Amino acid sequence: MPINLLMLVAGISLGMLVGAIPGISAANGIALMLPVTYTFGLAPETALILYAGIYYGAKYSGRISAILADVPGDISSFATRNEGYPLALSGHAGKALALTAASSFVGGTFAILLLTGTAAFFADIGSSFGPPEYFVLIFFVFVLILTLSSTLFIKNLISLCLGLMMSVVGLDWGTGAFRYTSTIPELFDGIDFIIVVIGVFALSEAFLLMEKPDGGRKETVPIKDHVHGLSPHYLRIKWSCLRASIIGLLIGILPGAGTYVANLAAYRFEKKLGPGKNETPFGKGNIHGLIAPEAANSACALAAFIPLMALGIPGSATTAVLHGALLQMNIDPGPALCRSHPEIIWAMITSMYFGNLLLLLINIKLIRYFPRVLAIPSWVLMPMIVVVSFVSVYAVSESLVSLLLMVLIGIFAYGLRKFNYPLAPLILGYVLGKPFEDNLRLALAISGGDFAVLWQNWITILLWSCILFSIMAKAVVQWRSYSRENRDNSRQKFL
């Protein structure tokens, strides 16, 4: 359909824009588009194509500022700067951007093929899940969020708990009681998803942009080299692309890990292999260390749709927003979606093939215009974000109380970000909190209050084993880090 193609182009274009500008993520772009699609009544598959385009378009372009300004546009391109910026300083910025575009295309293609081939398989597995299995699975996601993040454990835990607290506001269907509503009618059905998402991501970002005295401009490396004649380099990186894509796929399927983990893991793997003969050392512009993180990033971003669509489990802040967006359209992601609305799944997957190819062409042909995107000052972006946020929320709710709630949530999220609290656990806790509680209640109702129902079949036993392994692995890593720090401190005192 022409409208689907139009939304695909609009989605990846907006995604590239928000991904290239440091601090503004895919979640921000999707959050601002949620009320727009709701107001105009877009078909579910059309809206999902738009959201997905924003998501992987932003992941694709996060590398631009990492290479040109040494500031990742998205945390998923954190490791890309290690080799990309030195390569740009040496006069090969165009080469770095072209090679990472190609590697992202390869990683994305692998992920789309995997999604095409395994969506039905994972949906069949998900069909065997009942309330006990879903409760333990969501608990496993929470554990992964806490153990895989690079942020302090206690900050992740506090953020997650805050999200869970937000999810229980409103009518409790089990008891009929209103929880934390303070007789405010707008809270009787809970805190609206659009209000939370726009407040947490869009408004908090606008408040942060207010603090930038220099207008938020980034000093970028000029692009002077040509991007043609790079075929020999493409052949050199093929095995690195393959290795990194596999890493990204494995991490993407795992809920809670995220593209940052994939980006960093692929870079560290290539670094352990070391530079080849007559190749540039790592940290000085090594090509393999440049393209591997981006291939893994793209593969992970698209592979994350597998647990989201097949099991209904988001693994990151952005996929949690996508999860909530589907619920807003009265579509429950998971096995039921694959059975009752297969046209939505296949429309999205088909759009990914075209979108991935379109991103490659855009990123190769428009390389010389990228520095202009980074030159957009914050005093231009901030009022645009604020105006769109207010108009969007009011258009959906037509309530001044909703606007006040959005502002309060935005200020609250801004405070969390100022003290380096991650927002991903908060939004995941908010989105998954209700199904977490509901599935526990249903499981106990089925078993007559017997908690043993939570570990009585092979699926729940396997999930509990994974939870235990994750906790033990985190403890071992922390212990080793603590022991290493103690040894280093003792050595310094001795010297």
Protein backbone atom coordinates (compact mmCIF):
# COMPACT_ATOMS: atom_id res chain seq x y z
CA MET A 1 0.00 0.00 0.00
CA PRO A 2 1.27 3.53 -0.78
CA ILE A 3 0.52 4.73 2.75
CA ASN A 4 2.71 1.98 4.19
CA LEU A 5 5.59 2.96 1.90
CA LEU A 6 5.13 6.61 2.86
CA MET A 7 5.20 5.77 6.57
CA LEU A 8 8.29 3.62 6.04
CA VAL A 9 10.17 6.52 4.44
CA ALA A 10 8.90 8.94 7.10
CA GLY A 11 9.86 6.54 9.89
CA ILE A 12 13.43 5.86 8.83
CA SER A 13 13.96 9.56 8.00
CA LEU A 14 12.77 10.66 11.44
CA GLY A 15 14.72 7.80 13.01
CA MET A 16 17.93 8.86 11.29
CA LEU A 17 17.39 12.43 12.49
CA VAL A 18 16.78 11.59 16.15
CA GLY A 19 19.49 8.93 16.15
CA ALA A 20 22.14 11.24 14.74
CA ILE A 21 21.56 13.96 17.35
CA PRO A 22 23.24 13.02 20.66
CA GLY A 23 20.82 12.64 23.55
CA ILE A 24 17.70 12.15 21.45
CA SER A 25 16.89 8.46 21.05
CA ALA A 26 14.47 6.29 19.11
CA ALA A 27 12.20 6.21 22.16
CA ASN A 28 11.86 10.01 21.95
CA GLY A 29 10.85 9.87 18.30
CA ILE A 30 8.32 7.07 18.82
CA ALA A 31 6.90 8.78 21.91
CA LEU A 32 6.16 11.95 19.95
CA MET A 33 4.57 9.99 17.09
CA LEU A 34 2.22 7.93 19.28
CA PRO A 35 -0.49 10.61 19.59
CA VAL A 36 -0.13 11.53 15.90
CA THR A 37 -0.91 8.00 14.71
CA TYR A 38 -3.72 7.76 17.26
CA THR A 39 -5.27 11.07 16.17
CA PHE A 40 -5.15 10.28 12.45
CA GLY A 41 -6.41 6.74 13.00
CA LEU A 42 -3.67 4.91 11.13
CA ALA A 43 -4.14 1.19 10.60
CA PRO A 44 -2.17 -0.91 13.12
CA GLU A 45 0.25 -2.31 10.52
CA THR A 46 0.85 1.19 9.10
CA ALA A 47 1.55 2.65 12.54
CA LEU A 48 3.84 -0.25 13.41
CA ILE A 49 5.81 0.23 10.18
CA LEU A 50 6.29 3.88 11.15
CA TYR A 51 7.41 3.04 14.70
CA ALA A 52 9.73 0.25 13.56
CA GLY A 53 11.27 2.56 10.95
CA ILE A 54 12.00 5.16 13.61
CA TYR A 55 13.52 2.48 15.84
CA TYR A 56 15.99 0.86 13.47
CA GLY A 57 16.60 4.14 11.62
CA ALA A 58 17.81 5.68 14.88
CA LYS A 59 19.99 2.67 15.69
CA TYR A 60 21.45 2.89 12.17
CA SER A 61 22.40 6.56 12.46
CA GLY A 62 23.70 6.69 16.03
CA ARG A 63 27.15 6.08 14.59
CA ILE A 64 27.21 9.42 12.69
CA SER A 65 28.02 11.67 15.64
CA ALA A 66 30.20 8.93 17.16
CA ILE A 67 32.44 9.07 14.08
CA LEU A 68 32.29 12.79 13.29
CA ALA A 69 32.14 14.28 16.80
CA ASP A 70 33.32 11.51 19.18
CA VAL A 71 29.89 11.67 20.86
CA PRO A 72 27.59 8.68 20.23
CA GLY A 73 24.17 9.74 18.98
CA ASP A 74 22.78 6.66 20.71
CA ILE A 75 24.29 4.57 23.48
CA SER A 76 24.16 1.61 21.10
CA SER A 77 27.04 3.21 19.15
CA PHE A 78 29.23 3.72 22.20
CA ALA A 79 32.07 1.43 21.06
CA THR A 80 31.97 2.75 17.48
CA ARG A 81 33.65 5.97 18.55
CA ASN A 82 36.80 4.10 19.65
CA GLU A 83 37.84 3.49 16.03
CA GLY A 84 35.50 5.79 14.10
CA TYR A 85 36.70 9.12 15.46
CA PRO A 86 40.45 8.38 15.04
CA LEU A 87 39.70 7.27 11.47
CA ALA A 88 37.82 10.52 10.85
CA LEU A 89 40.68 12.59 12.29
CA SER A 90 43.05 10.90 9.85
CA GLY A 91 40.97 12.19 6.93
CA HIS A 92 38.81 9.09 6.34
CA ALA A 93 35.47 10.19 7.79
CA GLY A 94 33.59 9.32 4.60
CA LYS A 95 35.20 5.90 4.48
CA ALA A 96 34.26 5.22 8.11
CA LEU A 97 30.63 6.24 7.53
CA ALA A 98 30.33 4.17 4.34
CA LEU A 99 31.86 1.03 5.88
CA THR A 100 29.66 1.23 8.97
CA ALA A 101 26.60 1.75 6.76
CA ALA A 102 27.48 -1.44 4.87
CA SER A 103 28.11 -3.42 8.06
CA SER A 104 24.82 -2.21 9.56
CA PHE A 105 23.06 -3.36 6.41
CA VAL A 106 24.64 -6.81 6.69
CA GLY A 107 23.76 -7.16 10.38
CA GLY A 108 20.21 -5.97 9.76
CA THR A 109 19.74 -8.39 6.85
CA PHE A 110 20.79 -11.36 9.00
CA ALA A 111 18.35 -10.28 11.71
CA ILE A 112 15.43 -9.86 9.29
CA LEU A 113 16.09 -13.30 7.81
CA LEU A 114 16.14 -14.78 11.31
CA LEU A 115 12.92 -12.96 12.19
CA THR A 116 11.30 -14.26 9.00
CA GLY A 117 12.31 -17.84 9.67
CA THR A 118 11.75 -18.11 13.42
CA ALA A 119 8.79 -15.85 14.27
CA ALA A 120 6.30 -18.70 13.86
CA PHE A 121 8.57 -21.10 15.79
CA PHE A 122 8.88 -18.79 18.79
CA ALA A 123 5.15 -18.06 18.62
CA ASP A 124 4.46 -21.80 18.86
CA ILE A 125 6.67 -21.96 21.95
CA GLY A 126 4.86 -18.95 23.39
CA SER A 127 1.52 -20.68 22.80
CA SER A 128 2.47 -23.24 25.44
CA PHE A 129 2.98 -20.48 28.03
CA GLY A 130 0.34 -20.05 30.70
CA PRO A 131 0.18 -17.54 33.60
CA PRO A 132 2.94 -19.29 35.63
CA GLU A 133 5.33 -19.33 32.66
CA TYR A 134 4.68 -15.69 31.78
CA PHE A 135 5.15 -14.57 35.39
CA VAL A 136 8.55 -16.30 35.62
CA LEU A 137 9.53 -15.05 32.14
CA ILE A 138 8.80 -11.43 33.08
CA PHE A 139 10.71 -11.91 36.34
CA PHE A 140 13.62 -13.23 34.25
CA VAL A 141 13.48 -10.05 32.13
CA PHE A 142 13.65 -7.94 35.30
CA VAL A 143 16.68 -9.92 36.51
CA LEU A 144 18.42 -9.46 33.15
CA ILE A 145 17.78 -5.72 33.28
CA LEU A 146 19.43 -5.55 36.70
CA THR A 147 22.37 -7.85 35.94
CA LEU A 148 23.34 -6.90 32.38
CA SER A 149 23.31 -3.13 32.75
CA SER A 150 26.54 -1.19 33.24
CA THR A 151 24.76 1.15 35.69
CA LEU A 152 24.98 0.56 39.44
CA PHE A 153 22.72 -2.29 40.53
CA ILE A 154 20.94 -0.21 43.18
CA LYS A 155 20.10 2.53 40.67
CA ASN A 156 18.67 -0.02 38.25
CA LEU A 157 16.65 -1.57 41.07
CA ILE A 158 15.25 1.79 42.24
CA SER A 159 14.32 2.75 38.67
CA LEU A 160 12.61 -0.61 38.11
CA CYS A 161 10.66 -0.33 41.37
CA LEU A 162 9.50 3.18 40.45
CA GLY A 163 8.19 1.84 37.15
CA LEU A 164 6.38 -1.00 38.94
CA MET A 165 4.82 1.53 41.33
CA MET A 166 3.53 3.58 38.39
CA SER A 167 2.00 0.46 36.84
CA VAL A 168 -0.26 -0.28 39.82
CA VAL A 169 -1.97 3.14 39.86
CA GLY A 170 -5.69 2.88 39.08
CA LEU A 171 -8.44 0.31 39.50
CA ASP A 172 -7.38 -3.09 40.83
CA TRP A 173 -9.50 -5.58 38.88
CA GLY A 174 -8.92 -8.26 41.51
CA THR A 175 -10.35 -6.37 44.50
CA GLY A 176 -12.25 -3.51 42.88
CA ALA A 177 -10.25 -0.99 44.92
CA PHE A 178 -8.70 2.19 43.53
CA ARG A 179 -4.96 2.38 44.20
CA TYR A 180 -3.07 5.68 44.54
CA THR A 181 -5.69 7.65 42.58
CA SER A 182 -6.33 10.40 45.19
CA THR A 183 -9.91 10.73 43.83
CA ILE A 184 -8.52 12.05 40.52
CA PRO A 185 -10.77 10.64 37.75
CA GLU A 186 -7.96 10.73 35.18
CA LEU A 187 -6.09 8.16 37.30
CA PHE A 188 -8.95 5.68 37.72
CA ASP A 189 -7.81 3.73 34.63
CA GLY A 190 -4.14 4.14 35.51
CA ILE A 191 -1.56 6.61 34.25
CA ASP A 192 -2.05 6.82 30.50
CA PHE A 193 0.74 5.22 28.49
CA ILE A 194 1.17 8.21 26.15
CA ILE A 195 1.50 10.60 29.10
CA VAL A 196 4.18 8.45 30.71
CA VAL A 197 6.20 7.90 27.54
CA ILE A 198 6.18 11.54 26.42
CA GLY A 199 6.95 12.77 29.93
CA VAL A 200 9.76 10.29 30.54
CA PHE A 201 11.50 10.59 27.19
CA ALA A 202 10.48 13.78 25.37
CA LEU A 203 9.98 16.33 28.16
CA SER A 204 12.94 15.18 30.24
CA GLU A 205 15.12 15.54 27.14
CA ALA A 206 13.76 19.05 26.54
CA PHE A 207 14.69 20.02 30.11
CA LEU A 208 18.22 18.69 29.57
CA LEU A 209 18.53 20.67 26.33
CA MET A 210 17.74 23.86 28.27
CA GLU A 211 21.00 23.42 30.18
CA LYS A 212 23.28 23.59 27.13
CA PRO A 213 24.73 27.13 27.06
CA ASP A 214 26.48 26.67 23.71
CA GLY A 215 23.27 25.82 21.90
CA GLY A 216 24.21 22.16 21.79
CA ARG A 217 26.38 22.46 18.68
CA LYS A 218 28.94 19.73 18.12
CA GLU A 219 32.37 20.28 16.64
CA THR A 220 32.51 17.80 13.78
CA VAL A 221 35.29 16.47 11.60
CA PRO A 222 34.82 17.58 7.97
CA ILE A 223 34.24 14.92 5.33
CA LYS A 224 36.92 15.31 2.68
CA ASP A 225 37.48 11.82 1.31
CA HIS A 226 35.53 9.97 -1.38
CA VAL A 227 33.33 6.99 -0.56
CA HIS A 228 33.80 5.29 -3.92
CA GLY A 229 36.29 2.52 -4.61
CA LEU A 230 35.85 0.84 -1.23
CA SER A 231 35.15 -2.65 -2.62
CA PRO A 232 38.47 -4.10 -1.35
CA HIS A 233 37.60 -2.90 2.16
CA TYR A 234 34.14 -4.49 1.96
CA LEU A 235 35.78 -7.84 1.19
CA ARG A 236 38.21 -7.44 4.10
CA ILE A 237 35.45 -6.93 6.64
CA LYS A 238 33.15 -9.80 5.60
CA TRP A 239 34.20 -12.19 8.38
CA SER A 240 34.10 -9.47 11.01
CA CYS A 241 30.57 -8.61 9.85
CA LEU A 242 29.53 -12.24 10.10
CA ARG A 243 30.98 -12.71 13.60
CA ALA A 244 29.48 -9.48 14.87
CA SER A 245 26.08 -10.23 13.32
CA ILE A 246 25.93 -13.58 15.13
CA ILE A 247 26.83 -11.86 18.41
CA GLY A 248 24.12 -9.25 17.81
CA LEU A 249 21.51 -11.87 16.96
CA LEU A 250 22.17 -13.90 20.09
CA ILE A 251 22.06 -10.84 22.34
CA GLY A 252 19.01 -9.40 20.55
CA ILE A 253 16.93 -12.51 21.17
CA LEU A 254 17.79 -12.26 24.88
CA PRO A 255 15.32 -9.87 26.59
CA GLY A 256 16.93 -7.15 28.68
CA ALA A 257 20.39 -7.18 27.08
CA GLY A 258 20.01 -4.42 24.50
CA THR A 259 22.04 -2.97 21.66
CA TYR A 260 24.62 -1.37 23.96
CA VAL A 261 25.69 -4.82 25.18
CA ALA A 262 25.86 -6.13 21.60
CA ASN A 263 27.86 -3.13 20.40
CA LEU A 264 30.41 -3.45 23.19
CA ALA A 265 30.62 -7.26 23.06
CA ALA A 266 31.35 -7.30 19.31
CA TYR A 267 34.07 -4.67 19.71
CA ARG A 268 35.74 -6.51 22.58
CA PHE A 269 35.63 -9.77 20.62
CA GLU A 270 37.39 -8.20 17.63
CA LYS A 271 39.89 -6.53 19.93
CA LYS A 272 40.76 -9.87 21.53
CA LEU A 273 41.44 -11.30 18.07
CA GLY A 274 43.87 -8.42 17.58
CA PRO A 275 44.78 -6.49 14.43
CA GLY A 276 45.88 -8.45 11.38
CA LYS A 277 49.24 -8.17 9.71
CA ASN A 278 49.99 -4.63 8.47
CA GLU A 279 46.68 -3.37 9.92
CA THR A 280 46.07 -0.28 12.03
CA PRO A 281 46.18 -0.99 15.80
CA PHE A 282 42.98 -0.84 17.80
CA GLY A 283 42.24 2.63 19.12
CA LYS A 284 43.88 4.21 16.07
CA GLY A 285 41.20 3.53 13.45
CA ASN A 286 41.12 -0.24 12.99
CA ILE A 287 38.49 -1.13 10.37
CA HIS A 288 37.42 -4.40 12.02
CA GLY A 289 36.92 -2.65 15.36
CA LEU A 290 34.89 -0.02 13.53
CA ILE A 291 32.42 -2.16 11.61
CA ALA A 292 31.89 -5.02 14.10
CA PRO A 293 30.02 -2.92 16.71
CA GLU A 294 27.68 -1.50 14.07
CA ALA A 295 26.92 -4.90 12.52
CA ALA A 296 26.11 -6.25 15.99
CA ASN A 297 24.09 -3.15 16.85
CA SER A 298 21.87 -3.43 13.77
CA ALA A 299 21.45 -7.20 14.14
CA CYS A 300 20.54 -6.86 17.81
CA ALA A 301 18.06 -4.02 17.20
CA LEU A 302 16.06 -6.00 14.66
CA ALA A 303 16.41 -9.36 16.45
CA ALA A 304 14.76 -7.73 19.49
CA PHE A 305 11.49 -7.92 17.56
CA ILE A 306 11.53 -11.72 17.94
CA PRO A 307 10.77 -11.84 21.71
CA LEU A 308 8.54 -8.76 21.36
CA MET A 309 6.31 -10.14 18.61
CA ALA A 310 6.47 -13.86 19.36
CA LEU A 311 6.39 -13.79 23.18
CA GLY A 312 5.09 -10.28 23.90
CA ILE A 313 8.18 -9.47 25.97
CA PRO A 314 10.09 -6.22 25.32
CA GLY A 315 13.78 -6.22 26.08
CA SER A 316 14.66 -2.52 26.05
CA ALA A 317 13.14 0.91 26.63
CA THR A 318 12.31 1.39 22.95
CA THR A 319 10.74 -2.04 22.46
CA ALA A 320 8.77 -1.40 25.67
CA VAL A 321 7.39 1.73 24.01
CA LEU A 322 6.52 -0.36 20.94
CA HIS A 323 4.85 -2.91 23.22
CA GLY A 324 2.74 -0.19 24.80
CA ALA A 325 1.91 1.28 21.40
CA LEU A 326 0.47 -2.06 20.28
CA LEU A 327 -1.63 -2.28 23.43
CA GLN A 328 -2.94 1.24 22.73
CA MET A 329 -4.23 -0.13 19.40
CA ASN A 330 -5.93 -3.04 21.25
CA ILE A 331 -3.36 -5.48 19.88
CA ASP A 332 -1.74 -7.82 22.39
CA PRO A 333 1.81 -8.67 21.24
CA GLY A 334 2.72 -12.31 21.61
CA PRO A 335 1.54 -15.66 20.26
CA ALA A 336 -2.03 -14.37 19.88
CA LEU A 337 -0.79 -11.62 17.56
CA CYS A 338 0.84 -14.15 15.23
CA ARG A 339 -2.39 -16.17 15.09
CA SER A 340 -5.04 -13.46 14.94
CA HIS A 341 -3.21 -10.70 13.05
CA PRO A 342 -0.52 -12.32 10.88
CA GLU A 343 -0.91 -9.52 8.32
CA ILE A 344 0.54 -7.06 10.84
CA ILE A 345 3.61 -9.22 11.44
CA TRP A 346 4.32 -9.85 7.77
CA ALA A 347 3.67 -6.25 6.74
CA MET A 348 6.26 -5.13 9.30
CA ILE A 349 8.81 -7.78 8.27
CA THR A 350 8.38 -6.93 4.57
CA SER A 351 8.87 -3.24 5.34
CA MET A 352 12.11 -4.10 7.15
CA TYR A 353 13.65 -5.54 3.98
CA PHE A 354 12.87 -2.36 2.06
CA GLY A 355 13.77 -0.12 4.99
CA ASN A 356 17.15 -1.75 5.53
CA LEU A 357 18.03 -1.33 1.83
CA LEU A 358 16.75 2.24 1.81
CA LEU A 359 18.86 3.10 4.85
CA LEU A 360 21.97 1.80 3.10
CA LEU A 361 21.31 3.92 0.00
CA ILE A 362 20.54 7.05 2.03
CA ASN A 363 23.58 6.62 4.24
CA ILE A 364 25.88 6.22 1.24
CA LYS A 365 24.43 8.96 -0.97
CA LEU A 366 23.90 11.64 1.68
CA ILE A 367 27.11 11.24 3.67
CA ARG A 368 28.29 14.80 3.00
CA TYR A 369 25.14 16.27 4.56
CA PHE A 370 25.55 14.52 7.92
CA PRO A 371 27.60 17.30 9.59
CA ARG A 372 24.70 19.71 8.98
CA VAL A 373 22.39 17.54 11.07
CA LEU A 374 24.80 17.70 14.00
CA ALA A 375 24.91 21.50 13.66
CA ILE A 376 21.25 21.85 14.73
CA PRO A 377 21.39 23.80 18.04
CA SER A 378 19.41 22.79 21.11
CA TRP A 379 17.53 26.11 21.20
CA VAL A 380 15.83 24.98 17.98
CA LEU A 381 15.06 21.44 19.16
CA MET A 382 13.87 22.21 22.70
CA PRO A 383 10.81 24.36 21.88
CA MET A 384 9.82 21.98 19.07
CA ILE A 385 9.84 19.02 21.47
CA VAL A 386 7.86 20.91 24.12
CA VAL A 387 5.20 22.16 21.70
CA VAL A 388 4.73 18.76 20.05
CA SER A 389 4.54 17.10 23.49
CA PHE A 390 1.80 19.40 24.78
CA VAL A 391 -0.22 19.39 21.56
CA SER A 392 0.03 15.60 21.24
CA VAL A 393 -1.10 14.81 24.78
CA TYR A 394 -3.95 17.33 24.72
CA ALA A 395 -5.14 16.07 21.32
CA VAL A 396 -5.50 12.57 22.76
CA SER A 397 -6.78 13.31 26.28
CA GLU A 398 -8.39 16.79 25.99
CA SER A 399 -7.59 17.20 29.68
CA LEU A 400 -5.52 19.79 31.52
CA VAL A 401 -4.93 17.26 34.30
CA SER A 402 -3.21 15.01 31.75
CA LEU A 403 -0.92 17.89 30.75
CA LEU A 404 -0.06 18.49 34.40
CA LEU A 405 0.68 14.79 34.89
CA MET A 406 2.93 14.82 31.82
CA VAL A 407 4.89 17.81 33.16
CA LEU A 408 5.27 16.23 36.62
CA ILE A 409 6.48 12.95 35.10
CA GLY A 410 8.86 14.89 32.84
CA ILE A 411 10.35 16.76 35.82
CA PHE A 412 10.62 13.50 37.75
CA ALA A 413 12.39 11.75 34.84
CA TYR A 414 14.66 14.78 34.42
CA GLY A 415 15.71 14.45 38.06
CA LEU A 416 16.46 10.76 37.57
CA ARG A 417 18.63 11.51 34.54
CA LYS A 418 20.50 14.26 36.41
CA PHE A 419 21.50 11.71 39.05
CA ASN A 420 22.38 9.10 36.39
CA TYR A 421 19.44 6.80 37.02
CA PRO A 422 18.60 4.78 33.89
CA LEU A 423 15.15 5.20 32.37
CA ALA A 424 14.99 1.79 30.66
CA PRO A 425 14.20 -0.15 33.89
CA LEU A 426 11.55 2.43 34.77
CA ILE A 427 9.67 2.16 31.47
CA LEU A 428 10.02 -1.64 31.40
CA GLY A 429 8.70 -1.84 34.95
CA TYR A 430 5.76 0.36 33.99
CA VAL A 431 4.90 -1.64 30.85
CA LEU A 432 5.44 -5.12 32.32
CA GLY A 433 4.21 -4.39 35.84
CA LYS A 434 0.54 -5.08 35.12
CA PRO A 435 1.05 -8.39 33.26
CA PHE A 436 3.55 -9.36 35.98
CA GLU A 437 0.91 -8.90 38.68
CA ASP A 438 -1.98 -10.28 36.62
CA ASN A 439 -0.17 -13.49 35.68
CA LEU A 440 0.84 -14.12 39.28
CA ARG A 441 -2.76 -13.73 40.40
CA LEU A 442 -4.05 -16.01 37.65
CA ALA A 443 -1.41 -18.63 38.41
CA LEU A 444 -2.33 -18.66 42.10
CA ALA A 445 -6.04 -18.73 41.26
CA ILE A 446 -5.49 -21.79 39.06
CA SER A 447 -3.48 -23.58 41.76
CA GLY A 448 -5.73 -22.59 44.65
CA GLY A 449 -3.03 -20.40 46.20
CA ASP A 450 -0.22 -22.95 45.90
CA PHE A 451 3.04 -21.16 44.96
CA ALA A 452 4.49 -24.47 43.76
CA VAL A 453 2.70 -23.87 40.46
CA LEU A 454 5.51 -21.44 39.62
CA TRP A 455 8.10 -24.23 39.30
CA GLN A 456 6.17 -27.37 38.39
CA ASN A 457 6.96 -27.82 34.67
CA TRP A 458 10.10 -27.85 32.53
CA ILE A 459 9.57 -24.33 31.16
CA THR A 460 9.42 -22.66 34.56
CA ILE A 461 12.29 -24.82 35.86
CA LEU A 462 14.41 -23.78 32.87
CA LEU A 463 13.55 -20.11 33.42
CA TRP A 464 14.35 -20.31 37.16
CA SER A 465 17.68 -21.95 36.25
CA CYS A 466 18.45 -19.06 33.88
CA ILE A 467 17.55 -16.58 36.62
CA LEU A 468 19.87 -18.30 39.08
CA PHE A 469 22.66 -18.44 36.51
CA SER A 470 22.27 -14.72 35.72
CA ILE A 471 22.47 -13.76 39.40
CA MET A 472 25.50 -15.99 40.02
CA ALA A 473 27.28 -14.70 36.90
CA LYS A 474 26.69 -11.11 38.02
CA ALA A 475 28.02 -11.94 41.50
CA VAL A 476 31.16 -13.55 40.05
CA VAL A 477 31.83 -10.56 37.77
CA GLN A 478 31.35 -8.12 40.65
CA TRP A 479 33.61 -10.18 42.92
CA ARG A 480 36.37 -10.31 40.32
CA SER A 481 36.09 -6.57 39.74
CA TYR A 482 36.23 -5.93 43.50
CA SER A 483 39.25 -8.25 43.91
CA ARG A 484 41.06 -6.59 40.99
CA GLU A 485 40.50 -3.13 42.47
CA ASN A 486 41.83 -4.30 45.85
CA ARG A 487 44.94 -5.77 44.21
CA ASP A 488 45.56 -2.55 42.27
CA ASN A 489 45.12 -0.43 45.41
CA SER A 490 47.47 -2.69 47.38
CA ARG A 491 50.10 -2.50 44.63
CA GLN A 492 49.90 1.30 44.54
CA LYS A 493 50.31 1.53 48.33
CA PHE A 494 53.30 -0.80 48.18
CA LEU A 495 54.95 1.29 45.46
